[in-house]
PDB file of N, CA and C in Angstrom:
ATOM      1  N   MET A   1     197.249 -15.709 112.780  1.00  0.00           N
ATOM      2  CA  MET A   1     198.142 -14.918 114.217  1.00  0.00           C
ATOM      3  C   MET A   1     199.248 -13.704 113.431  1.00  0.00           C
ATOM      4  N   ALA A   2     199.223 -12.929 114.119  1.00  0.00           N
ATOM      5  CA  ALA A   2     200.223 -12.037 113.875  1.00  0.00           C
ATOM      6  C   ALA A   2     201.223 -12.102 114.021  1.00  0.00           C
ATOM      7  N   ARG A   3     202.598 -11.936 113.493  1.00  0.00           N
ATOM      8  CA  ARG A   3     203.898 -12.063 113.660  1.00  0.00           C
ATOM      9  C   ARG A   3     204.526 -10.662 114.105  1.00  0.00           C
ATOM     10  N   GLY A   4     205.305 -11.383 114.837  1.00  0.00           N
ATOM     11  CA  GLY A   4     205.786 -10.017 116.019  1.00  0.00           C
ATOM     12  C   GLY A   4     207.086 -10.060 114.999  1.00  0.00           C
ATOM     13  N   ILE A   5     208.078  -8.744 115.550  1.00  0.00           N
ATOM     14  CA  ILE A   5     209.166  -8.426 115.164  1.00  0.00           C
ATOM     15  C   ILE A   5     209.931  -8.400 116.131  1.00  0.00           C
ATOM     16  N   ASN A   6     211.182  -9.114 116.306  1.00  0.00           N
ATOM     17  CA  ASN A   6     212.251  -9.261 117.084  1.00  0.00           C
ATOM     18  C   ASN A   6     213.496  -8.448 116.545  1.00  0.00           C
ATOM     19  N   HIS A   7     213.938  -7.587 116.643  1.00  0.00           N
ATOM     20  CA  HIS A   7     214.776  -7.000 116.332  1.00  0.00           C
ATOM     21  C   HIS A   7     215.741  -5.711 116.844  1.00  0.00           C
ATOM     22  N   VAL A   8     217.014  -6.119 117.210  1.00  0.00           N
ATOM     23  CA  VAL A   8     217.678  -4.957 118.382  1.00  0.00           C
ATOM     24  C   VAL A   8     218.954  -4.665 117.718  1.00  0.00           C
ATOM     25  N   VAL A   9     219.237  -3.118 117.467  1.00  0.00           N
ATOM     26  CA  VAL A   9     220.993  -2.968 117.656  1.00  0.00           C
ATOM     27  C   VAL A   9     221.523  -2.699 118.482  1.00  0.00           C
ATOM     28  N   ILE A  10     222.357  -2.998 119.044  1.00  0.00           N
ATOM     29  CA  ILE A  10     223.047  -2.278 120.149  1.00  0.00           C
ATOM     30  C   ILE A  10     224.887  -1.722 119.689  1.00  0.00           C
ATOM     31  N   ALA A  11     224.872  -1.050 120.126  1.00  0.00           N
ATOM     32  CA  ALA A  11     226.617  -0.461 119.862  1.00  0.00           C
ATOM     33  C   ALA A  11     227.305  -0.245 121.455  1.00  0.00           C
ATOM     34  N   GLY A  12     228.276  -0.598 121.161  1.00  0.00           N
ATOM     35  CA  GLY A  12     229.372  -0.084 122.786  1.00  0.00           C
ATOM     36  C   GLY A  12     230.465  -0.794 122.896  1.00  0.00           C
ATOM     37  N   ASN A  13     231.173  -0.704 124.038  1.00  0.00           N
ATOM     38  CA  ASN A  13     232.280  -1.361 124.330  1.00  0.00           C
ATOM     39  C   ASN A  13     232.292  -2.823 124.862  1.00  0.00           C
ATOM     40  N   CYS A  14     233.164  -3.703 124.445  1.00  0.00           N
ATOM     41  CA  CYS A  14     233.116  -5.552 125.009  1.00  0.00           C
ATOM     42  C   CYS A  14     234.056  -5.094 126.178  1.00  0.00           C
ATOM     43  N   SER A  15     233.343  -5.695 127.125  1.00  0.00           N
ATOM     44  CA  SER A  15     233.368  -4.541 128.923  1.00  0.00           C
ATOM     45  C   SER A  15     234.784  -5.664 129.284  1.00  0.00           C
ATOM     46  N   ASP A  16     234.899  -7.136 128.550  1.00  0.00           N
ATOM     47  CA  ASP A  16     235.900  -7.928 129.212  1.00  0.00           C
ATOM     48  C   ASP A  16     236.359  -8.828 128.040  1.00  0.00           C
ATOM     49  N   SER A  17     237.011  -9.532 127.903  1.00  0.00           N
ATOM     50  CA  SER A  17     237.148 -11.064 126.994  1.00  0.00           C
ATOM     51  C   SER A  17     235.900 -11.883 126.694  1.00  0.00           C
ATOM     52  N   ALA A  18     235.958 -12.328 125.680  1.00  0.00           N
ATOM     53  CA  ALA A  18     234.519 -13.035 125.503  1.00  0.00           C
ATOM     54  C   ALA A  18     234.895 -14.345 125.993  1.00  0.00           C
ATOM     55  N   ARG A  19     234.058 -15.129 126.645  1.00  0.00           N
ATOM     56  CA  ARG A  19     234.215 -16.394 126.905  1.00  0.00           C
ATOM     57  C   ARG A  19     233.908 -17.935 125.637  1.00  0.00           C
ATOM     58  N   PHE A  20     234.351 -18.398 125.429  1.00  0.00           N
ATOM     59  CA  PHE A  20     234.712 -19.370 124.224  1.00  0.00           C
ATOM     60  C   PHE A  20     233.770 -20.439 124.764  1.00  0.00           C
ATOM     61  N   HIS A  21     233.068 -21.481 124.427  1.00  0.00           N
ATOM     62  CA  HIS A  21     232.887 -23.185 125.123  1.00  0.00           C
ATOM     63  C   HIS A  21     232.090 -23.307 123.886  1.00  0.00           C
ATOM     64  N   THR A  22     230.843 -24.791 124.488  1.00  0.00           N
ATOM     65  CA  THR A  22     230.488 -25.494 123.269  1.00  0.00           C
ATOM     66  C   THR A  22     228.802 -25.483 123.934  1.00  0.00           C
ATOM     67  N   THR A  23     228.283 -25.734 123.004  1.00  0.00           N
ATOM     68  CA  THR A  23     226.695 -25.998 123.409  1.00  0.00           C
ATOM     69  C   THR A  23     226.177 -27.647 123.798  1.00  0.00           C
ATOM     70  N   TYR A  24     225.536 -27.639 124.470  1.00  0.00           N
ATOM     71  CA  TYR A  24     225.280 -29.124 124.547  1.00  0.00           C
ATOM     72  C   TYR A  24     225.090 -30.238 123.581  1.00  0.00           C
ATOM     73  N   ASN A  25     224.854 -29.562 122.400  1.00  0.00           N
ATOM     74  CA  ASN A  25     224.919 -30.774 121.328  1.00  0.00           C
ATOM     75  C   ASN A  25     226.424 -30.179 120.565  1.00  0.00           C
ATOM     76  N   GLY A  26     227.469 -29.770 121.102  1.00  0.00           N
ATOM     77  CA  GLY A  26     229.059 -29.527 120.395  1.00  0.00           C
ATOM     78  C   GLY A  26     229.264 -28.306 119.889  1.00  0.00           C
ATOM     79  N   ALA A  27     227.969 -28.052 119.424  1.00  0.00           N
ATOM     80  CA  ALA A  27     228.217 -26.301 118.522  1.00  0.00           C
ATOM     81  C   ALA A  27     229.396 -25.060 119.464  1.00  0.00           C
ATOM     82  N   PRO A  28     230.107 -24.534 118.638  1.00  0.00           N
ATOM     83  CA  PRO A  28     230.759 -23.496 119.391  1.00  0.00           C
ATOM     84  C   PRO A  28     229.798 -22.391 119.484  1.00  0.00           C
ATOM     85  N   CYS A  29     230.349 -21.830 120.825  1.00  0.00           N
ATOM     86  CA  CYS A  29     229.195 -20.686 121.284  1.00  0.00           C
ATOM     87  C   CYS A  29     230.242 -19.532 121.903  1.00  0.00           C
ATOM     88  N   ALA A  30     230.209 -18.044 121.548  1.00  0.00           N
ATOM     89  CA  ALA A  30     230.597 -17.081 122.222  1.00  0.00           C
ATOM     90  C   ALA A  30     229.589 -16.311 123.154  1.00  0.00           C
ATOM     91  N   THR A  31     230.184 -15.718 124.292  1.00  0.00           N
ATOM     92  CA  THR A  31     229.294 -15.093 125.352  1.00  0.00           C
ATOM     93  C   THR A  31     230.572 -13.682 125.614  1.00  0.00           C
ATOM     94  N   PHE A  32     230.173 -12.721 125.340  1.00  0.00           N
ATOM     95  CA  PHE A  32     230.867 -11.735 125.956  1.00  0.00           C
ATOM     96  C   PHE A  32     229.282 -10.297 126.572  1.00  0.00           C
ATOM     97  N   LYS A  33     230.015  -9.471 127.289  1.00  0.00           N
ATOM     98  CA  LYS A  33     228.867  -8.312 127.765  1.00  0.00           C
ATOM     99  C   LYS A  33     229.400  -7.233 127.265  1.00  0.00           C
ATOM    100  N   LEU A  34     228.509  -6.704 126.986  1.00  0.00           N
ATOM    101  CA  LEU A  34     228.792  -5.353 125.975  1.00  0.00           C
ATOM    102  C   LEU A  34     228.367  -3.746 126.825  1.00  0.00           C
ATOM    103  N   ALA A  35     228.746  -3.167 127.355  1.00  0.00           N
ATOM    104  CA  ALA A  35     228.868  -1.598 127.483  1.00  0.00           C
ATOM    105  C   ALA A  35     228.292  -0.442 127.126  1.00  0.00           C
ATOM    106  N   SER A  36     227.293  -0.378 126.992  1.00  0.00           N
ATOM    107  CA  SER A  36     226.285   0.761 125.987  1.00  0.00           C
ATOM    108  C   SER A  36     226.123   2.447 127.043  1.00  0.00           C
ATOM    109  N   ASP A  37     226.737   2.951 126.637  1.00  0.00           N
ATOM    110  CA  ASP A  37     226.445   4.252 127.641  1.00  0.00           C
ATOM    111  C   ASP A  37     224.847   5.000 127.057  1.00  0.00           C
ATOM    112  N   ARG A  38     224.549   5.816 127.858  1.00  0.00           N
ATOM    113  CA  ARG A  38     223.592   6.747 127.585  1.00  0.00           C
ATOM    114  C   ARG A  38     223.004   7.820 128.543  1.00  0.00           C
ATOM    115  N   ARG A  39     222.774   8.803 127.634  1.00  0.00           N
ATOM    116  CA  ARG A  39     222.643  10.458 128.597  1.00  0.00           C
ATOM    117  C   ARG A  39     221.430   9.749 129.917  1.00  0.00           C
ATOM    118  N   GLY A  40     221.853  10.617 131.049  1.00  0.00           N
ATOM    119  CA  GLY A  40     220.535  10.224 132.373  1.00  0.00           C
ATOM    120  C   GLY A  40     220.241  11.464 132.301  1.00  0.00           C
ATOM    121  N   VAL A  41     219.012  11.595 133.351  1.00  0.00           N
ATOM    122  CA  VAL A  41     218.345  12.612 133.225  1.00  0.00           C
ATOM    123  C   VAL A  41     218.824  14.086 133.477  1.00  0.00           C
ATOM    124  N   ASN A  42     219.898  13.885 134.289  1.00  0.00           N
ATOM    125  CA  ASN A  42     220.540  14.886 134.820  1.00  0.00           C
ATOM    126  C   ASN A  42     221.408  15.638 134.105  1.00  0.00           C
ATOM    127  N   LYS A  43     221.979  16.868 133.781  1.00  0.00           N
ATOM    128  CA  LYS A  43     222.774  17.360 133.009  1.00  0.00           C
ATOM    129  C   LYS A  43     224.028  16.835 133.193  1.00  0.00           C
ATOM    130  N   GLY A  44     224.798  16.305 131.843  1.00  0.00           N
ATOM    131  CA  GLY A  44     226.161  15.347 131.810  1.00  0.00           C
ATOM    132  C   GLY A  44     226.174  14.050 132.411  1.00  0.00           C
ATOM    133  N   GLU A  45     225.104  13.384 133.231  1.00  0.00           N
ATOM    134  CA  GLU A  45     224.680  12.254 133.705  1.00  0.00           C
ATOM    135  C   GLU A  45     225.383  11.155 132.080  1.00  0.00           C
ATOM    136  N   ILE A  46     225.607  10.548 132.508  1.00  0.00           N
ATOM    137  CA  ILE A  46     226.150   8.899 131.644  1.00  0.00           C
ATOM    138  C   ILE A  46     225.588   7.814 132.656  1.00  0.00           C
ATOM    139  N   LEU A  47     225.050   7.018 132.053  1.00  0.00           N
ATOM    140  CA  LEU A  47     224.299   5.683 132.825  1.00  0.00           C
ATOM    141  C   LEU A  47     225.091   4.458 131.694  1.00  0.00           C
ATOM    142  N   THR A  48     225.195   3.619 131.830  1.00  0.00           N
ATOM    143  CA  THR A  48     225.889   2.295 131.810  1.00  0.00           C
ATOM    144  C   THR A  48     224.912   1.693 131.283  1.00  0.00           C
ATOM    145  N   THR A  49     224.721   0.979 130.309  1.00  0.00           N
ATOM    146  CA  THR A  49     223.777  -0.692 130.330  1.00  0.00           C
ATOM    147  C   THR A  49     224.561  -1.373 129.917  1.00  0.00           C
ATOM    148  N   TRP A  50     224.517  -2.778 131.009  1.00  0.00           N
ATOM    149  CA  TRP A  50     225.283  -3.966 130.423  1.00  0.00           C
ATOM    150  C   TRP A  50     224.125  -5.086 129.999  1.00  0.00           C
ATOM    151  N   ILE A  51     224.944  -5.366 128.627  1.00  0.00           N
ATOM    152  CA  ILE A  51     224.533  -6.284 127.803  1.00  0.00           C
ATOM    153  C   ILE A  51     224.880  -7.620 128.060  1.00  0.00           C
ATOM    154  N   LYS A  52     224.588  -8.926 127.968  1.00  0.00           N
ATOM    155  CA  LYS A  52     224.880 -10.135 127.506  1.00  0.00           C
ATOM    156  C   LYS A  52     224.658 -10.465 126.385  1.00  0.00           C
ATOM    157  N   VAL A  53     225.611 -10.936 125.381  1.00  0.00           N
ATOM    158  CA  VAL A  53     225.258 -10.920 124.316  1.00  0.00           C
ATOM    159  C   VAL A  53     225.885 -12.939 123.925  1.00  0.00           C
ATOM    160  N   ASN A  54     225.052 -13.270 123.581  1.00  0.00           N
ATOM    161  CA  ASN A  54     225.672 -14.259 123.017  1.00  0.00           C
ATOM    162  C   ASN A  54     225.465 -15.021 121.145  1.00  0.00           C
ATOM    163  N   VAL A  55     226.791 -15.357 121.153  1.00  0.00           N
ATOM    164  CA  VAL A  55     227.202 -15.532 119.427  1.00  0.00           C
ATOM    165  C   VAL A  55     227.270 -17.529 119.198  1.00  0.00           C
ATOM    166  N   TYR A  56     226.146 -17.804 118.524  1.00  0.00           N
ATOM    167  CA  TYR A  56     226.089 -19.282 118.502  1.00  0.00           C
ATOM    168  C   TYR A  56     226.266 -19.632 116.875  1.00  0.00           C
ATOM    169  N   SER A  57     226.613 -18.761 115.656  1.00  0.00           N
ATOM    170  CA  SER A  57     226.720 -19.121 114.450  1.00  0.00           C
ATOM    171  C   SER A  57     228.124 -19.096 114.706  1.00  0.00           C
ATOM    172  N   GLU A  58     228.666 -20.127 113.833  1.00  0.00           N
ATOM    173  CA  GLU A  58     229.938 -21.110 113.798  1.00  0.00           C
ATOM    174  C   GLU A  58     230.990 -19.913 112.970  1.00  0.00           C
ATOM    175  N   ALA A  59     230.649 -19.078 112.357  1.00  0.00           N
ATOM    176  CA  ALA A  59     231.509 -18.184 111.646  1.00  0.00           C
ATOM    177  C   ALA A  59     231.525 -17.161 112.004  1.00  0.00           C
ATOM    178  N   LEU A  60     230.453 -16.265 112.734  1.00  0.00           N
ATOM    179  CA  LEU A  60     231.007 -15.440 113.938  1.00  0.00           C
ATOM    180  C   LEU A  60     231.836 -15.393 114.862  1.00  0.00           C
ATOM    181  N   VAL A  61     231.398 -16.793 115.637  1.00  0.00           N
ATOM    182  CA  VAL A  61     232.161 -17.376 117.038  1.00  0.00           C
ATOM    183  C   VAL A  61     233.949 -17.251 116.368  1.00  0.00           C
ATOM    184  N   ASP A  62     234.266 -17.705 115.161  1.00  0.00           N
ATOM    185  CA  ASP A  62     235.447 -17.711 114.655  1.00  0.00           C
ATOM    186  C   ASP A  62     236.146 -16.403 114.275  1.00  0.00           C
ATOM    187  N   ILE A  63     235.005 -15.530 113.935  1.00  0.00           N
ATOM    188  CA  ILE A  63     235.645 -13.883 114.051  1.00  0.00           C
ATOM    189  C   ILE A  63     235.976 -13.431 115.091  1.00  0.00           C
ATOM    190  N   CYS A  64     234.801 -13.563 116.219  1.00  0.00           N
ATOM    191  CA  CYS A  64     235.242 -13.171 117.398  1.00  0.00           C
ATOM    192  C   CYS A  64     235.955 -13.776 118.259  1.00  0.00           C
ATOM    193  N   GLU A  65     236.816 -14.930 118.101  1.00  0.00           N
ATOM    194  CA  GLU A  65     237.825 -15.109 118.458  1.00  0.00           C
ATOM    195  C   GLU A  65     238.973 -14.721 118.133  1.00  0.00           C
ATOM    196  N   ILE A  66     238.988 -14.078 117.084  1.00  0.00           N
ATOM    197  CA  ILE A  66     240.513 -13.326 116.611  1.00  0.00           C
ATOM    198  C   ILE A  66     239.765 -11.391 116.651  1.00  0.00           C
ATOM    199  N   ARG A  67     238.963 -10.987 116.756  1.00  0.00           N
ATOM    200  CA  ARG A  67     238.779  -9.489 116.823  1.00  0.00           C
ATOM    201  C   ARG A  67     238.178  -9.182 118.150  1.00  0.00           C
ATOM    202  N   LEU A  68     237.322 -10.189 119.157  1.00  0.00           N
ATOM    203  CA  LEU A  68     236.953  -9.269 120.182  1.00  0.00           C
ATOM    204  C   LEU A  68     237.579  -9.353 121.608  1.00  0.00           C
ATOM    205  N   LYS A  69     238.317  -8.345 121.394  1.00  0.00           N
ATOM    206  CA  LYS A  69     239.004  -8.545 122.970  1.00  0.00           C
ATOM    207  C   LYS A  69     238.533  -7.005 123.602  1.00  0.00           C
ATOM    208  N   LYS A  70     238.809  -6.820 125.207  1.00  0.00           N
ATOM    209  CA  LYS A  70     238.486  -6.055 125.936  1.00  0.00           C
ATOM    210  C   LYS A  70     238.222  -4.522 125.425  1.00  0.00           C
ATOM    211  N   GLY A  71     237.490  -3.936 125.196  1.00  0.00           N
ATOM    212  CA  GLY A  71     237.504  -2.109 124.549  1.00  0.00           C
ATOM    213  C   GLY A  71     237.471  -2.272 123.309  1.00  0.00           C
ATOM    214  N   VAL A  72     237.066  -3.062 122.793  1.00  0.00           N
ATOM    215  CA  VAL A  72     236.619  -3.048 121.130  1.00  0.00           C
ATOM    216  C   VAL A  72     235.495  -2.119 121.244  1.00  0.00           C
ATOM    217  N   TYR A  73     235.107  -1.631 120.291  1.00  0.00           N
ATOM    218  CA  TYR A  73     233.564  -0.847 119.824  1.00  0.00           C
ATOM    219  C   TYR A  73     233.208  -1.866 119.062  1.00  0.00           C
ATOM    220  N   VAL A  74     231.903  -2.471 118.954  1.00  0.00           N
ATOM    221  CA  VAL A  74     231.227  -3.113 118.416  1.00  0.00           C
ATOM    222  C   VAL A  74     230.095  -2.280 118.185  1.00  0.00           C
ATOM    223  N   ILE A  75     229.048  -2.990 117.361  1.00  0.00           N
ATOM    224  CA  ILE A  75     227.767  -2.643 117.040  1.00  0.00           C
ATOM    225  C   ILE A  75     227.200  -4.311 116.871  1.00  0.00           C
ATOM    226  N   VAL A  76     225.974  -4.790 117.596  1.00  0.00           N
ATOM    227  CA  VAL A  76     225.379  -5.751 117.419  1.00  0.00           C
ATOM    228  C   VAL A  76     223.917  -5.853 116.815  1.00  0.00           C
ATOM    229  N   GLU A  77     223.792  -6.541 116.162  1.00  0.00           N
ATOM    230  CA  GLU A  77     222.558  -6.936 115.419  1.00  0.00           C
ATOM    231  C   GLU A  77     222.242  -7.447 115.886  1.00  0.00           C
ATOM    232  N   GLY A  78     220.588  -8.341 116.388  1.00  0.00           N
ATOM    233  CA  GLY A  78     220.099  -9.608 116.483  1.00  0.00           C
ATOM    234  C   GLY A  78     218.937  -9.380 117.328  1.00  0.00           C
ATOM    235  N   GLU A  79     218.932 -10.590 118.152  1.00  0.00           N
ATOM    236  CA  GLU A  79     217.193 -10.220 118.721  1.00  0.00           C
ATOM    237  C   GLU A  79     217.370 -10.712 119.928  1.00  0.00           C
ATOM    238  N   LEU A  80     216.234 -10.022 120.915  1.00  0.00           N
ATOM    239  CA  LEU A  80     215.992 -10.464 122.327  1.00  0.00           C
ATOM    240  C   LEU A  80     215.649 -11.657 122.703  1.00  0.00           C
ATOM    241  N   MET A  81     216.193 -11.762 123.701  1.00  0.00           N
ATOM    242  CA  MET A  81     215.812 -13.294 124.367  1.00  0.00           C
ATOM    243  C   MET A  81     215.565 -13.330 126.161  1.00  0.00           C
ATOM    244  N   ASN A  82     215.021 -14.310 126.009  1.00  0.00           N
ATOM    245  CA  ASN A  82     214.591 -14.180 127.497  1.00  0.00           C
ATOM    246  C   ASN A  82     214.669 -15.832 128.007  1.00  0.00           C
ATOM    247  N   ARG A  83     214.930 -15.728 129.410  1.00  0.00           N
ATOM    248  CA  ARG A  83     215.392 -17.031 130.062  1.00  0.00           C
ATOM    249  C   ARG A  83     215.344 -16.369 131.161  1.00  0.00           C
ATOM    250  N   GLU A  84     215.004 -17.473 131.786  1.00  0.00           N
ATOM    251  CA  GLU A  84     215.081 -17.993 133.853  1.00  0.00           C
ATOM    252  C   GLU A  84     216.987 -18.127 133.987  1.00  0.00           C
ATOM    253  N   SER A  85     217.114 -17.494 134.938  1.00  0.00           N
ATOM    254  CA  SER A  85     218.586 -18.325 135.463  1.00  0.00           C
ATOM    255  C   SER A  85     218.225 -19.326 135.970  1.00  0.00           C
ATOM    256  N   ALA A  86     219.200 -20.056 135.946  1.00  0.00           N
ATOM    257  CA  ALA A  86     219.566 -21.187 136.787  1.00  0.00           C
ATOM    258  C   ALA A  86     219.620 -21.273 137.838  1.00  0.00           C
ATOM    259  N   ARG A  87     220.518 -20.822 138.460  1.00  0.00           N
ATOM    260  CA  ARG A  87     220.820 -20.150 139.876  1.00  0.00           C
ATOM    261  C   ARG A  87     219.511 -19.777 141.244  1.00  0.00           C
ATOM    262  N   ASP A  88     218.906 -18.554 140.398  1.00  0.00           N
ATOM    263  CA  ASP A  88     217.824 -18.181 141.267  1.00  0.00           C
ATOM    264  C   ASP A  88     216.667 -17.785 140.775  1.00  0.00           C
ATOM    265  N   GLY A  89     216.375 -18.417 139.604  1.00  0.00           N
ATOM    266  CA  GLY A  89     215.210 -18.111 138.685  1.00  0.00           C
ATOM    267  C   GLY A  89     214.601 -16.738 138.362  1.00  0.00           C
ATOM    268  N   GLU A  90     215.979 -15.864 138.401  1.00  0.00           N
ATOM    269  CA  GLU A  90     215.294 -14.495 137.842  1.00  0.00           C
ATOM    270  C   GLU A  90     215.618 -14.584 136.522  1.00  0.00           C
ATOM    271  N   GLN A  91     214.709 -13.655 135.824  1.00  0.00           N
ATOM    272  CA  GLN A  91     214.338 -13.484 134.488  1.00  0.00           C
ATOM    273  C   GLN A  91     215.613 -12.610 134.024  1.00  0.00           C
ATOM    274  N   LEU A  92     216.251 -13.280 132.654  1.00  0.00           N
ATOM    275  CA  LEU A  92     217.387 -12.267 132.393  1.00  0.00           C
ATOM    276  C   LEU A  92     217.041 -12.213 130.791  1.00  0.00           C
ATOM    277  N   THR A  93     217.629 -10.990 130.245  1.00  0.00           N
ATOM    278  CA  THR A  93     217.433 -10.415 128.747  1.00  0.00           C
ATOM    279  C   THR A  93     218.560 -10.264 128.421  1.00  0.00           C
ATOM    280  N   GLU A  94     218.693 -11.295 127.662  1.00  0.00           N
ATOM    281  CA  GLU A  94     220.067 -10.899 126.192  1.00  0.00           C
ATOM    282  C   GLU A  94     219.903 -10.369 125.319  1.00  0.00           C
ATOM    283  N   VAL A  95     221.151 -10.945 124.215  1.00  0.00           N
ATOM    284  CA  VAL A  95     220.753 -10.522 122.535  1.00  0.00           C
ATOM    285  C   VAL A  95     221.546 -11.906 122.020  1.00  0.00           C
ATOM    286  N   ARG A  96     220.724 -12.459 121.377  1.00  0.00           N
ATOM    287  CA  ARG A  96     221.450 -13.156 120.540  1.00  0.00           C
ATOM    288  C   ARG A  96     221.717 -12.628 119.258  1.00  0.00           C
ATOM    289  N   ALA A  97     223.438 -12.459 118.857  1.00  0.00           N
ATOM    290  CA  ALA A  97     223.930 -11.959 117.793  1.00  0.00           C
ATOM    291  C   ALA A  97     223.146 -12.685 116.480  1.00  0.00           C
ATOM    292  N   ARG A  98     223.233 -12.074 115.167  1.00  0.00           N
ATOM    293  CA  ARG A  98     222.997 -12.434 114.268  1.00  0.00           C
ATOM    294  C   ARG A  98     224.548 -11.820 113.120  1.00  0.00           C
ATOM    295  N   GLU A  99     224.516 -10.592 113.936  1.00  0.00           N
ATOM    296  CA  GLU A  99     225.642  -9.835 113.118  1.00  0.00           C
ATOM    297  C   GLU A  99     226.424  -9.122 114.034  1.00  0.00           C
ATOM    298  N   ILE A 100     227.850  -8.865 113.754  1.00  0.00           N
ATOM    299  CA  ILE A 100     228.802  -8.365 114.413  1.00  0.00           C
ATOM    300  C   ILE A 100     229.666  -7.107 113.780  1.00  0.00           C
ATOM    301  N   VAL A 101     229.615  -5.686 113.871  1.00  0.00           N
ATOM    302  CA  VAL A 101     230.381  -5.120 113.405  1.00  0.00           C
ATOM    303  C   VAL A 101     231.413  -4.382 113.690  1.00  0.00           C
ATOM    304  N   PHE A 102     232.999  -4.843 113.526  1.00  0.00           N
ATOM    305  CA  PHE A 102     233.806  -4.211 114.535  1.00  0.00           C
ATOM    306  C   PHE A 102     234.252  -2.578 113.891  1.00  0.00           C
ATOM    307  N   ILE A 103     234.130  -1.742 115.052  1.00  0.00           N
ATOM    308  CA  ILE A 103     234.985  -0.461 114.367  1.00  0.00           C
ATOM    309  C   ILE A 103     235.968  -0.178 115.094  1.00  0.00           C
ATOM    310  N   ASP A 104     237.059  -0.547 114.196  1.00  0.00           N
ATOM    311  CA  ASP A 104     238.455  -0.304 114.740  1.00  0.00           C
ATOM    312  C   ASP A 104     238.936   1.377 115.139  1.00  0.00           C
TER     313      ASP A 104
END
Protein backbone atom coordinates (compact mmCIF):
# COMPACT_ATOMS: atom_id res chain seq x y z
CA MET A 1 0.00 0.00 0.00
CA ALA A 2 1.36 3.43 -0.96
CA ARG A 3 1.76 5.98 1.77
CA GLY A 4 0.30 9.42 1.07
CA ILE A 5 1.80 12.73 2.05
CA ASN A 6 -0.41 15.05 4.04
CA HIS A 7 1.56 18.26 4.48
CA VAL A 8 0.32 21.83 4.22
CA VAL A 9 1.88 25.24 4.92
CA ILE A 10 -0.45 28.21 5.27
CA ALA A 11 0.37 31.82 6.10
CA GLY A 12 -2.01 34.54 7.19
CA ASN A 13 -3.36 36.68 9.99
CA CYS A 14 -5.14 35.34 13.05
CA SER A 15 -8.72 36.54 12.51
CA ASP A 16 -9.76 36.55 16.16
CA SER A 17 -8.40 35.54 19.53
CA ALA A 18 -7.75 31.84 19.96
CA ARG A 19 -10.07 29.66 22.02
CA PHE A 20 -8.40 27.49 24.63
CA HIS A 21 -10.08 24.37 26.00
CA THR A 22 -9.37 20.74 26.83
CA THR A 23 -10.11 17.60 24.85
CA TYR A 24 -12.31 14.80 26.19
CA ASN A 25 -9.30 13.16 27.83
CA GLY A 26 -8.11 16.40 29.47
CA ALA A 27 -5.35 17.43 27.05
CA PRO A 28 -5.01 21.18 26.34
CA CYS A 29 -6.14 22.39 22.92
CA ALA A 30 -6.23 25.70 21.04
CA THR A 31 -8.40 26.64 18.05
CA PHE A 32 -8.17 29.75 15.90
CA LYS A 33 -9.12 30.98 12.43
CA LEU A 34 -6.51 32.11 9.95
CA ALA A 35 -7.31 34.60 7.18
CA SER A 36 -5.17 33.93 4.12
CA ASP A 37 -5.42 36.24 1.08
CA ARG A 38 -4.92 35.24 -2.54
CA ARG A 39 -5.30 36.94 -5.90
CA GLY A 40 -8.58 36.62 -7.74
CA VAL A 41 -9.20 36.23 -11.46
CA ASN A 42 -9.87 39.94 -12.00
CA LYS A 43 -7.04 42.47 -11.80
CA GLY A 44 -6.62 43.78 -8.26
CA GLU A 45 -9.13 41.33 -6.81
CA ILE A 46 -8.15 39.87 -3.42
CA LEU A 47 -9.96 36.82 -2.07
CA THR A 48 -9.77 35.78 1.57
CA THR A 49 -9.82 32.14 2.59
CA TRP A 50 -10.69 31.32 6.20
CA ILE A 51 -8.95 28.28 7.67
CA LYS A 52 -9.68 26.72 11.05
CA VAL A 53 -6.47 25.66 12.81
CA ASN A 54 -6.40 23.17 15.70
CA VAL A 55 -3.41 22.89 18.03
CA TYR A 56 -3.07 19.75 20.17
CA SER A 57 0.60 19.86 21.18
CA GLU A 58 0.82 21.04 24.80
CA ALA A 59 4.00 23.03 24.09
CA LEU A 60 2.39 24.81 21.11
CA VAL A 61 -0.78 25.53 23.11
CA ASP A 62 1.36 27.22 25.79
CA ILE A 63 3.10 29.38 23.17
CA CYS A 64 -0.23 30.27 21.54
CA GLU A 65 -1.60 31.45 24.91
CA ILE A 66 1.27 33.93 25.12
CA ARG A 67 1.75 35.09 21.52
CA LEU A 68 -1.43 34.46 19.53
CA LYS A 69 -3.70 37.50 19.31
CA LYS A 70 -6.03 38.90 16.68
CA GLY A 71 -4.09 40.26 13.70
CA VAL A 72 -0.83 38.40 14.40
CA TYR A 73 0.76 37.06 11.19
CA VAL A 74 1.68 33.39 11.46
CA ILE A 75 2.89 30.55 9.28
CA VAL A 76 1.27 27.22 10.15
CA GLU A 77 2.74 23.88 9.11
CA GLY A 78 0.59 20.81 9.62
CA GLU A 79 -1.79 18.33 8.09
CA LEU A 80 -5.27 18.59 6.58
CA MET A 81 -8.03 16.97 8.58
CA ASN A 82 -11.59 16.26 7.43
CA ARG A 83 -14.48 15.72 9.78
CA GLU A 84 -18.23 15.87 9.79
CA SER A 85 -19.95 18.78 11.54
CA ALA A 86 -21.91 17.72 14.62
CA ARG A 87 -24.63 20.30 13.87
CA ASP A 88 -25.58 19.71 10.25
CA GLY A 89 -23.42 16.85 8.98
CA GLU A 90 -21.44 19.16 6.67
CA GLN A 91 -17.88 18.13 5.79
CA LEU A 92 -15.30 20.46 7.37
CA THR A 93 -11.65 20.79 6.36
CA GLU A 94 -9.25 21.99 9.04
CA VAL A 95 -5.51 22.10 9.68
CA ARG A 96 -3.93 20.26 12.61
CA ALA A 97 -0.86 22.36 13.43
CA ARG A 98 2.53 20.69 13.96
CA GLU A 99 4.49 23.93 14.00
CA ILE A 100 3.62 27.64 14.15
CA VAL A 101 6.01 30.47 13.27
CA PHE A 102 5.09 33.91 14.61
CA ILE A 103 6.14 36.80 12.35
CA ASP A 104 6.53 40.04 14.30
